[in-house]
Amino acid sequence: MKPYDKDPMRDYTSPRKVPVALIAGLVVTGVGAGLFIPSVTTAGVTALDPSRASLAGGLIYMFQIAGGALGLGITTAIFTITSENELAQQATAAGANLTEIGGMELVAMFSAEVVA
């Protein structure tokens, strides 16, 4: 087994394997957003009198951007915590204590394991 065979991203970049679940999820998300966003915008803008329609459109857009930023922040926090916990478990399994070892030594230790 070659060292790069252990890389989980290899599955997504290999021309032989198509990540069907990922593509299906992106298609469903795209269709859902494509149907939801114009409907909400139209409902929000037409619910008010014409003098306030631009204000409603601006508020809807502002909340879409704020929701996207909040969602990205939460997703990033979840992935960061998960990867840090996995790294700590792998370091403990390799016999290292993360409070006693420096970052470069940890990288060297895991690099040596992947090459070996």
C-alpha atoms as a PDB file:
ATOM      1  CA  MET A   1       0.000   0.000   0.000  1.00  0.00           C
ATOM      2  CA  LYS A   2       1.410   3.359  -1.017  1.00  0.00           C
ATOM      3  CA  PRO A   3       1.328   6.290   1.462  1.00  0.00           C
ATOM      4  CA  TYR A   4      -1.078   8.298  -0.668  1.00  0.00           C
ATOM      5  CA  ASP A   5      -3.585   5.432  -0.610  1.00  0.00           C
ATOM      6  CA  LYS A   6      -4.348   6.331   3.026  1.00  0.00           C
ATOM      7  CA  ASP A   7      -5.399   9.857   2.044  1.00  0.00           C
ATOM      8  CA  PRO A   8      -9.188  10.209   2.427  1.00  0.00           C
ATOM      9  CA  MET A   9      -9.290  13.015  -0.157  1.00  0.00           C
ATOM     10  CA  ARG A  10      -7.917  10.586  -2.729  1.00  0.00           C
ATOM     11  CA  ASP A  11     -11.414   9.121  -3.008  1.00  0.00           C
ATOM     12  CA  TYR A  12     -12.813  12.489  -4.086  1.00  0.00           C
ATOM     13  CA  THR A  13     -10.035  13.351  -6.528  1.00  0.00           C
ATOM     14  CA  SER A  14      -9.688   9.968  -8.177  1.00  0.00           C
ATOM     15  CA  PRO A  15     -11.168   9.882 -11.675  1.00  0.00           C
ATOM     16  CA  ARG A  16     -12.348   6.328 -11.036  1.00  0.00           C
ATOM     17  CA  LYS A  17     -14.557   7.180  -8.059  1.00  0.00           C
ATOM     18  CA  VAL A  18     -17.394   9.649  -8.413  1.00  0.00           C
ATOM     19  CA  PRO A  19     -18.701  10.886  -5.064  1.00  0.00           C
ATOM     20  CA  VAL A  20     -22.355  10.193  -5.858  1.00  0.00           C
ATOM     21  CA  ALA A  21     -23.655  11.205  -2.436  1.00  0.00           C
ATOM     22  CA  LEU A  22     -21.816  14.530  -2.614  1.00  0.00           C
ATOM     23  CA  ILE A  23     -23.131  15.297  -6.095  1.00  0.00           C
ATOM     24  CA  ALA A  24     -26.677  14.282  -5.113  1.00  0.00           C
ATOM     25  CA  GLY A  25     -26.538  16.523  -2.038  1.00  0.00           C
ATOM     26  CA  LEU A  26     -25.307  19.475  -4.061  1.00  0.00           C
ATOM     27  CA  VAL A  27     -28.071  18.963  -6.639  1.00  0.00           C
ATOM     28  CA  VAL A  28     -30.774  18.808  -3.954  1.00  0.00           C
ATOM     29  CA  THR A  29     -29.348  21.909  -2.253  1.00  0.00           C
ATOM     30  CA  GLY A  30     -29.210  23.794  -5.539  1.00  0.00           C
ATOM     31  CA  VAL A  31     -32.764  22.906  -6.495  1.00  0.00           C
ATOM     32  CA  GLY A  32     -34.034  23.745  -3.012  1.00  0.00           C
ATOM     33  CA  ALA A  33     -32.274  27.111  -2.913  1.00  0.00           C
ATOM     34  CA  GLY A  34     -33.364  27.859  -6.470  1.00  0.00           C
ATOM     35  CA  LEU A  35     -36.998  27.305  -5.553  1.00  0.00           C
ATOM     36  CA  PHE A  36     -36.883  28.872  -2.080  1.00  0.00           C
ATOM     37  CA  ILE A  37     -34.979  32.133  -2.532  1.00  0.00           C
ATOM     38  CA  PRO A  38     -37.036  33.630  -5.396  1.00  0.00           C
ATOM     39  CA  SER A  39     -40.293  32.602  -3.692  1.00  0.00           C
ATOM     40  CA  VAL A  40     -39.339  34.221  -0.386  1.00  0.00           C
ATOM     41  CA  THR A  41     -38.088  37.362  -2.107  1.00  0.00           C
ATOM     42  CA  THR A  42     -41.256  37.695  -4.177  1.00  0.00           C
ATOM     43  CA  ALA A  43     -43.506  37.083  -1.174  1.00  0.00           C
ATOM     44  CA  GLY A  44     -41.594  39.577   0.963  1.00  0.00           C
ATOM     45  CA  VAL A  45     -41.498  42.326  -1.659  1.00  0.00           C
ATOM     46  CA  THR A  46     -45.121  42.002  -2.791  1.00  0.00           C
ATOM     47  CA  ALA A  47     -46.508  41.850   0.773  1.00  0.00           C
ATOM     48  CA  LEU A  48     -45.738  45.542   1.282  1.00  0.00           C
ATOM     49  CA  ASP A  49     -46.840  48.624  -0.568  1.00  0.00           C
ATOM     50  CA  PRO A  50     -44.668  49.636  -3.545  1.00  0.00           C
ATOM     51  CA  SER A  51     -42.987  52.478  -1.639  1.00  0.00           C
ATOM     52  CA  ARG A  52     -41.393  49.969   0.752  1.00  0.00           C
ATOM     53  CA  ALA A  53     -40.669  47.162  -1.721  1.00  0.00           C
ATOM     54  CA  SER A  54     -36.988  48.070  -2.100  1.00  0.00           C
ATOM     55  CA  LEU A  55     -36.583  48.132   1.695  1.00  0.00           C
ATOM     56  CA  ALA A  56     -38.114  44.661   1.941  1.00  0.00           C
ATOM     57  CA  GLY A  57     -35.818  43.348  -0.802  1.00  0.00           C
ATOM     58  CA  GLY A  58     -32.782  44.803   0.950  1.00  0.00           C
ATOM     59  CA  LEU A  59     -33.761  43.308   4.311  1.00  0.00           C
ATOM     60  CA  ILE A  60     -34.359  39.891   2.768  1.00  0.00           C
ATOM     61  CA  TYR A  61     -30.971  39.996   1.047  1.00  0.00           C
ATOM     62  CA  MET A  62     -29.268  41.151   4.254  1.00  0.00           C
ATOM     63  CA  PHE A  63     -30.730  38.221   6.201  1.00  0.00           C
ATOM     64  CA  GLN A  64     -29.711  35.778   3.452  1.00  0.00           C
ATOM     65  CA  ILE A  65     -26.108  37.002   3.669  1.00  0.00           C
ATOM     66  CA  ALA A  66     -26.126  37.021   7.480  1.00  0.00           C
ATOM     67  CA  GLY A  67     -27.591  33.494   7.556  1.00  0.00           C
ATOM     68  CA  GLY A  68     -24.940  32.271   5.138  1.00  0.00           C
ATOM     69  CA  ALA A  69     -22.180  33.794   7.254  1.00  0.00           C
ATOM     70  CA  LEU A  70     -23.617  32.291  10.431  1.00  0.00           C
ATOM     71  CA  GLY A  71     -24.002  28.885   8.783  1.00  0.00           C
ATOM     72  CA  LEU A  72     -20.423  29.003   7.505  1.00  0.00           C
ATOM     73  CA  GLY A  73     -19.156  29.921  10.967  1.00  0.00           C
ATOM     74  CA  ILE A  74     -21.037  27.096  12.664  1.00  0.00           C
ATOM     75  CA  THR A  75     -19.953  24.567  10.039  1.00  0.00           C
ATOM     76  CA  THR A  76     -16.322  25.680  10.339  1.00  0.00           C
ATOM     77  CA  ALA A  77     -16.470  25.384  14.131  1.00  0.00           C
ATOM     78  CA  ILE A  78     -17.906  21.855  13.914  1.00  0.00           C
ATOM     79  CA  PHE A  79     -15.282  20.683  11.412  1.00  0.00           C
ATOM     80  CA  THR A  80     -12.457  22.319  13.403  1.00  0.00           C
ATOM     81  CA  ILE A  81     -13.512  20.711  16.676  1.00  0.00           C
ATOM     82  CA  THR A  82     -13.951  17.329  14.982  1.00  0.00           C
ATOM     83  CA  SER A  83     -10.545  17.437  13.302  1.00  0.00           C
ATOM     84  CA  GLU A  84      -8.807  18.599  16.493  1.00  0.00           C
ATOM     85  CA  ASN A  85     -10.393  15.750  18.455  1.00  0.00           C
ATOM     86  CA  GLU A  86      -9.379  13.220  15.799  1.00  0.00           C
ATOM     87  CA  LEU A  87      -5.831  14.578  15.783  1.00  0.00           C
ATOM     88  CA  ALA A  88      -5.677  14.332  19.570  1.00  0.00           C
ATOM     89  CA  GLN A  89      -6.894  10.722  19.450  1.00  0.00           C
ATOM     90  CA  GLN A  90      -4.327   9.814  16.803  1.00  0.00           C
ATOM     91  CA  ALA A  91      -1.547  11.499  18.777  1.00  0.00           C
ATOM     92  CA  THR A  92      -2.559   9.687  21.948  1.00  0.00           C
ATOM     93  CA  ALA A  93      -2.662   6.378  20.075  1.00  0.00           C
ATOM     94  CA  ALA A  94       0.841   7.113  18.761  1.00  0.00           C
ATOM     95  CA  GLY A  95       2.064   7.716  22.313  1.00  0.00           C
ATOM     96  CA  ALA A  96       2.305  11.514  22.215  1.00  0.00           C
ATOM     97  CA  ASN A  97       0.855  13.971  24.689  1.00  0.00           C
ATOM     98  CA  LEU A  98      -0.225  17.143  22.890  1.00  0.00           C
ATOM     99  CA  THR A  99       0.591  19.339  25.880  1.00  0.00           C
ATOM    100  CA  GLU A 100       4.204  18.115  25.963  1.00  0.00           C
ATOM    101  CA  ILE A 101       5.037  18.097  22.272  1.00  0.00           C
ATOM    102  CA  GLY A 102       5.506  20.973  19.865  1.00  0.00           C
ATOM    103  CA  GLY A 103       3.637  21.361  16.612  1.00  0.00           C
ATOM    104  CA  MET A 104       6.586  20.575  14.338  1.00  0.00           C
ATOM    105  CA  GLU A 105       7.456  17.420  16.228  1.00  0.00           C
ATOM    106  CA  LEU A 106       3.837  16.291  15.904  1.00  0.00           C
ATOM    107  CA  VAL A 107       3.883  16.899  12.150  1.00  0.00           C
ATOM    108  CA  ALA A 108       7.162  15.012  11.854  1.00  0.00           C
ATOM    109  CA  MET A 109       5.775  12.095  13.854  1.00  0.00           C
ATOM    110  CA  PHE A 110       2.675  11.717  11.673  1.00  0.00           C
ATOM    111  CA  SER A 111       4.685  12.249   8.488  1.00  0.00           C
ATOM    112  CA  ALA A 112       6.985   9.430   9.509  1.00  0.00           C
ATOM    113  CA  GLU A 113       3.971   7.165  10.102  1.00  0.00           C
ATOM    114  CA  VAL A 114       2.484   7.914   6.688  1.00  0.00           C
ATOM    115  CA  VAL A 115       5.798   7.304   4.879  1.00  0.00           C
ATOM    116  CA  ALA A 116       6.536   4.103   6.793  1.00  0.00           C
END
